[in-house]
N, C-alpha and C. Protein backbone atom coordinates (compact mmCIF):
# COMPACT_ATOMS: atom_id res chain seq x y z
N MET A 1 -10.63 71.16 49.62
CA MET A 1 -10.66 69.71 49.49
C MET A 1 -10.14 69.30 48.11
N PHE A 2 -10.98 68.84 47.23
CA PHE A 2 -10.61 68.42 45.88
C PHE A 2 -10.91 69.56 44.92
N LYS A 3 -10.06 69.73 43.89
CA LYS A 3 -10.27 70.80 42.91
C LYS A 3 -10.17 70.26 41.49
N LEU A 4 -10.93 70.89 40.61
CA LEU A 4 -10.82 70.66 39.17
C LEU A 4 -10.34 71.97 38.55
N THR A 5 -9.39 71.89 37.64
CA THR A 5 -9.02 73.11 36.92
C THR A 5 -10.11 73.39 35.88
N THR A 6 -10.09 74.59 35.36
CA THR A 6 -11.05 74.96 34.32
C THR A 6 -10.90 74.04 33.11
N ALA A 7 -9.66 73.73 32.72
CA ALA A 7 -9.42 72.85 31.57
C ALA A 7 -9.99 71.45 31.81
N ALA A 8 -9.81 70.92 33.01
CA ALA A 8 -10.34 69.59 33.34
C ALA A 8 -11.86 69.61 33.33
N ALA A 9 -12.45 70.63 33.92
CA ALA A 9 -13.91 70.72 33.96
C ALA A 9 -14.49 70.80 32.55
N GLU A 10 -13.88 71.60 31.70
CA GLU A 10 -14.36 71.72 30.32
C GLU A 10 -14.31 70.38 29.61
N GLN A 11 -13.23 69.63 29.81
CA GLN A 11 -13.11 68.32 29.16
C GLN A 11 -14.10 67.31 29.73
N VAL A 12 -14.32 67.34 31.03
CA VAL A 12 -15.30 66.45 31.66
C VAL A 12 -16.69 66.73 31.09
N LEU A 13 -17.06 68.00 31.03
CA LEU A 13 -18.38 68.36 30.49
C LEU A 13 -18.51 67.99 29.01
N ARG A 14 -17.44 68.17 28.24
CA ARG A 14 -17.43 67.80 26.83
C ARG A 14 -17.60 66.28 26.69
N ALA A 15 -16.87 65.51 27.49
CA ALA A 15 -16.96 64.04 27.44
C ALA A 15 -18.36 63.57 27.82
N ALA A 16 -18.97 64.22 28.80
CA ALA A 16 -20.33 63.85 29.20
C ALA A 16 -21.32 64.10 28.07
N ARG A 17 -21.19 65.26 27.42
CA ARG A 17 -22.09 65.57 26.28
C ARG A 17 -21.91 64.55 25.16
N GLU A 18 -20.65 64.28 24.80
CA GLU A 18 -20.37 63.39 23.67
C GLU A 18 -20.68 61.93 24.00
N GLY A 19 -20.60 61.56 25.27
CA GLY A 19 -20.82 60.16 25.65
C GLY A 19 -22.23 59.85 26.11
N GLY A 20 -23.11 60.86 26.09
CA GLY A 20 -24.49 60.62 26.49
C GLY A 20 -24.67 60.48 27.99
N THR A 21 -23.73 61.01 28.77
CA THR A 21 -23.82 60.92 30.23
C THR A 21 -24.02 62.29 30.86
N GLU A 22 -24.48 63.24 30.06
CA GLU A 22 -24.71 64.59 30.56
C GLU A 22 -25.70 64.54 31.73
N GLY A 23 -25.40 65.27 32.78
CA GLY A 23 -26.24 65.28 33.97
C GLY A 23 -25.80 64.30 35.03
N MET A 24 -24.91 63.39 34.68
CA MET A 24 -24.39 62.45 35.68
C MET A 24 -23.20 63.09 36.39
N ALA A 25 -22.92 62.60 37.58
CA ALA A 25 -21.80 63.13 38.36
C ALA A 25 -20.50 62.46 37.93
N LEU A 26 -19.41 63.17 38.17
CA LEU A 26 -18.08 62.60 37.96
C LEU A 26 -17.69 61.90 39.25
N ARG A 27 -17.52 60.59 39.18
CA ARG A 27 -17.14 59.81 40.36
C ARG A 27 -15.62 59.64 40.36
N LEU A 28 -15.02 59.89 41.53
CA LEU A 28 -13.58 59.73 41.73
C LEU A 28 -13.33 58.65 42.75
N ALA A 29 -12.25 57.91 42.52
CA ALA A 29 -11.81 56.90 43.47
C ALA A 29 -10.29 56.87 43.44
N ALA A 30 -9.69 56.46 44.53
CA ALA A 30 -8.23 56.40 44.60
C ALA A 30 -7.83 55.26 45.52
N SER A 31 -6.71 54.64 45.18
CA SER A 31 -6.15 53.60 46.06
C SER A 31 -4.64 53.79 46.09
N GLN A 32 -4.04 53.38 47.19
CA GLN A 32 -2.60 53.57 47.38
C GLN A 32 -1.90 52.22 47.32
N ALA A 33 -0.87 52.15 46.48
CA ALA A 33 -0.07 50.92 46.33
C ALA A 33 0.93 50.81 47.49
N ALA A 34 1.55 49.67 47.60
CA ALA A 34 2.52 49.43 48.67
C ALA A 34 3.68 50.42 48.64
N ASP A 35 4.05 50.88 47.44
CA ASP A 35 5.16 51.84 47.34
C ASP A 35 4.72 53.28 47.58
N GLY A 36 3.44 53.48 47.90
CA GLY A 36 2.93 54.81 48.21
C GLY A 36 2.29 55.54 47.04
N THR A 37 2.51 55.06 45.81
CA THR A 37 1.91 55.73 44.67
C THR A 37 0.39 55.59 44.72
N ILE A 38 -0.28 56.53 44.11
CA ILE A 38 -1.74 56.55 44.15
C ILE A 38 -2.29 56.31 42.75
N ASP A 39 -3.25 55.40 42.67
CA ASP A 39 -3.95 55.07 41.43
C ASP A 39 -5.31 55.76 41.46
N TYR A 40 -5.64 56.48 40.39
CA TYR A 40 -6.89 57.23 40.32
C TYR A 40 -7.82 56.60 39.31
N ARG A 41 -9.11 56.62 39.64
CA ARG A 41 -10.13 56.14 38.73
C ARG A 41 -11.23 57.20 38.65
N ILE A 42 -11.70 57.45 37.43
CA ILE A 42 -12.78 58.41 37.23
C ILE A 42 -13.79 57.83 36.26
N GLY A 43 -15.02 58.26 36.41
CA GLY A 43 -16.07 57.84 35.50
C GLY A 43 -17.36 58.56 35.85
N PHE A 44 -18.35 58.44 35.00
CA PHE A 44 -19.63 59.07 35.26
C PHE A 44 -20.53 58.07 35.98
N ASP A 45 -21.28 58.58 36.95
CA ASP A 45 -22.09 57.69 37.79
C ASP A 45 -23.21 58.51 38.43
N ASP A 46 -24.23 57.81 38.89
CA ASP A 46 -25.27 58.45 39.68
C ASP A 46 -24.82 58.47 41.14
N PRO A 47 -24.98 59.59 41.82
CA PRO A 47 -24.59 59.66 43.23
C PRO A 47 -25.41 58.70 44.08
N SER A 48 -24.80 58.22 45.15
CA SER A 48 -25.54 57.40 46.12
C SER A 48 -25.73 58.20 47.39
N GLU A 49 -26.56 57.70 48.25
CA GLU A 49 -26.92 58.39 49.48
C GLU A 49 -25.70 58.67 50.38
N ASP A 50 -24.72 57.79 50.38
CA ASP A 50 -23.56 57.93 51.27
C ASP A 50 -22.41 58.75 50.67
N ASP A 51 -22.52 59.16 49.43
CA ASP A 51 -21.43 59.87 48.77
C ASP A 51 -21.16 61.24 49.37
N ILE A 52 -19.91 61.63 49.30
CA ILE A 52 -19.52 63.01 49.54
C ILE A 52 -19.72 63.73 48.21
N ARG A 53 -20.41 64.84 48.23
CA ARG A 53 -20.72 65.57 46.99
C ARG A 53 -20.14 66.97 47.06
N MET A 54 -19.67 67.44 45.92
CA MET A 54 -19.19 68.81 45.82
C MET A 54 -19.38 69.29 44.38
N ARG A 55 -19.32 70.57 44.22
CA ARG A 55 -19.42 71.15 42.87
C ARG A 55 -18.11 71.87 42.60
N CYS A 56 -17.46 71.50 41.51
CA CYS A 56 -16.19 72.10 41.10
C CYS A 56 -16.33 72.58 39.66
N GLU A 57 -16.23 73.88 39.45
CA GLU A 57 -16.25 74.41 38.07
C GLU A 57 -17.47 73.89 37.27
N ASP A 58 -18.64 73.90 37.88
CA ASP A 58 -19.89 73.45 37.24
C ASP A 58 -19.97 71.94 37.01
N VAL A 59 -19.10 71.17 37.64
CA VAL A 59 -19.14 69.71 37.55
C VAL A 59 -19.50 69.17 38.92
N GLU A 60 -20.53 68.30 38.97
CA GLU A 60 -20.83 67.63 40.23
C GLU A 60 -19.82 66.50 40.40
N VAL A 61 -19.11 66.51 41.51
CA VAL A 61 -18.09 65.51 41.81
C VAL A 61 -18.55 64.72 43.02
N VAL A 62 -18.45 63.39 42.94
CA VAL A 62 -18.83 62.52 44.06
C VAL A 62 -17.72 61.52 44.33
N MET A 63 -17.65 61.12 45.59
CA MET A 63 -16.71 60.06 46.01
C MET A 63 -17.26 59.44 47.27
N THR A 64 -16.91 58.19 47.50
CA THR A 64 -17.31 57.56 48.74
C THR A 64 -16.40 58.07 49.86
N PRO A 65 -16.89 58.08 51.09
CA PRO A 65 -16.10 58.63 52.20
C PRO A 65 -14.71 58.02 52.35
N GLU A 66 -14.55 56.74 52.03
CA GLU A 66 -13.22 56.12 52.22
C GLU A 66 -12.16 56.65 51.25
N HIS A 67 -12.58 57.31 50.17
CA HIS A 67 -11.62 57.86 49.21
C HIS A 67 -11.19 59.29 49.56
N VAL A 68 -11.92 59.94 50.45
CA VAL A 68 -11.63 61.33 50.79
C VAL A 68 -10.20 61.53 51.29
N PRO A 69 -9.67 60.70 52.20
CA PRO A 69 -8.31 60.96 52.70
C PRO A 69 -7.24 61.01 51.59
N LEU A 70 -7.36 60.17 50.57
CA LEU A 70 -6.37 60.19 49.49
C LEU A 70 -6.61 61.32 48.49
N LEU A 71 -7.85 61.74 48.34
CA LEU A 71 -8.17 62.76 47.34
C LEU A 71 -8.18 64.19 47.90
N ASP A 72 -8.16 64.32 49.21
CA ASP A 72 -8.13 65.64 49.81
C ASP A 72 -6.85 66.37 49.38
N GLN A 73 -6.97 67.62 49.00
CA GLN A 73 -5.87 68.48 48.55
C GLN A 73 -5.38 68.14 47.13
N THR A 74 -6.11 67.30 46.42
CA THR A 74 -5.73 66.91 45.06
C THR A 74 -6.38 67.85 44.06
N THR A 75 -5.65 68.15 42.99
CA THR A 75 -6.17 68.92 41.87
C THR A 75 -6.11 68.05 40.62
N MET A 76 -7.23 67.97 39.92
CA MET A 76 -7.29 67.24 38.65
C MET A 76 -7.20 68.27 37.53
N ASP A 77 -6.27 68.04 36.60
CA ASP A 77 -6.05 68.96 35.49
C ASP A 77 -6.12 68.18 34.18
N TYR A 78 -6.25 68.89 33.10
CA TYR A 78 -6.26 68.30 31.76
C TYR A 78 -5.19 69.04 30.97
N VAL A 79 -4.12 68.33 30.63
CA VAL A 79 -2.96 68.98 30.03
C VAL A 79 -2.49 68.25 28.78
N GLU A 80 -1.72 69.00 27.98
CA GLU A 80 -1.10 68.42 26.79
C GLU A 80 0.24 67.85 27.21
N ILE A 81 0.35 66.52 27.22
CA ILE A 81 1.56 65.82 27.64
C ILE A 81 2.64 65.95 26.56
N GLU A 82 2.23 65.69 25.34
CA GLU A 82 3.07 65.86 24.16
C GLU A 82 2.19 66.49 23.10
N PRO A 83 2.76 67.07 22.06
CA PRO A 83 1.92 67.72 21.04
C PRO A 83 0.78 66.81 20.57
N GLY A 84 -0.43 67.29 20.78
CA GLY A 84 -1.62 66.54 20.35
C GLY A 84 -2.07 65.46 21.31
N GLN A 85 -1.35 65.23 22.40
CA GLN A 85 -1.73 64.19 23.38
C GLN A 85 -2.14 64.84 24.69
N PHE A 86 -3.45 64.84 24.92
CA PHE A 86 -3.99 65.44 26.14
C PHE A 86 -4.38 64.34 27.11
N ARG A 87 -4.25 64.63 28.40
CA ARG A 87 -4.53 63.61 29.41
C ARG A 87 -4.94 64.30 30.72
N PHE A 88 -5.78 63.62 31.48
CA PHE A 88 -6.07 64.07 32.84
C PHE A 88 -4.87 63.70 33.71
N ILE A 89 -4.48 64.63 34.57
CA ILE A 89 -3.43 64.35 35.54
C ILE A 89 -3.94 64.74 36.92
N PHE A 90 -3.34 64.15 37.94
CA PHE A 90 -3.71 64.44 39.32
C PHE A 90 -2.50 64.98 40.05
N LEU A 91 -2.65 66.15 40.63
CA LEU A 91 -1.60 66.79 41.41
C LEU A 91 -1.96 66.59 42.87
N ASN A 92 -1.23 65.69 43.52
CA ASN A 92 -1.59 65.30 44.88
C ASN A 92 -0.35 65.30 45.77
N PRO A 93 -0.28 66.20 46.75
CA PRO A 93 0.89 66.25 47.63
C PRO A 93 1.09 64.98 48.46
N LYS A 94 0.10 64.09 48.50
CA LYS A 94 0.24 62.84 49.25
C LYS A 94 0.93 61.75 48.43
N ASP A 95 1.10 61.97 47.13
CA ASP A 95 1.76 61.01 46.26
C ASP A 95 3.27 61.21 46.36
N PRO A 96 4.05 60.14 46.59
CA PRO A 96 5.49 60.30 46.74
C PRO A 96 6.19 60.85 45.49
N HIS A 97 5.55 60.77 44.33
CA HIS A 97 6.15 61.28 43.10
C HIS A 97 5.65 62.68 42.75
N TYR A 98 4.90 63.29 43.65
CA TYR A 98 4.35 64.62 43.42
C TYR A 98 5.46 65.67 43.37
N THR A 99 5.39 66.49 42.35
CA THR A 99 6.28 67.64 42.23
C THR A 99 5.39 68.85 42.03
N PRO A 100 5.46 69.83 42.92
CA PRO A 100 4.60 71.00 42.74
C PRO A 100 4.86 71.68 41.40
N PRO A 101 3.80 72.15 40.74
CA PRO A 101 3.99 72.83 39.46
C PRO A 101 4.76 74.14 39.67
N THR A 102 5.52 74.52 38.66
CA THR A 102 6.24 75.78 38.70
C THR A 102 5.66 76.72 37.67
N GLU A 103 5.76 77.98 37.95
CA GLU A 103 5.28 78.99 37.00
C GLU A 103 6.21 79.05 35.81
N ALA A 104 5.66 79.07 34.62
CA ALA A 104 6.50 79.12 33.41
C ALA A 104 6.90 80.53 33.09
């Protein structure tokens, strides 16, 4: 289903510790624009009764059922975009701009 890389999980756990949200779940949401691109939202939240729950790399991940179709098969990573600039990215084959990663 949904995956977190080790780098993303480490950053999520670090952000939770530093932000005082340790123990809260990582909530994911996604919406699709008219052109097919996908917008992702993440944040820390308490799970609700209707949430889909999973554990990825020691991070509790939750999403509402309506977000599952867009997030299924997605991998969230934490990468250095430019020297010193790190960012979460989403690798999702359902996004029209998705390019599979290549081995370096």
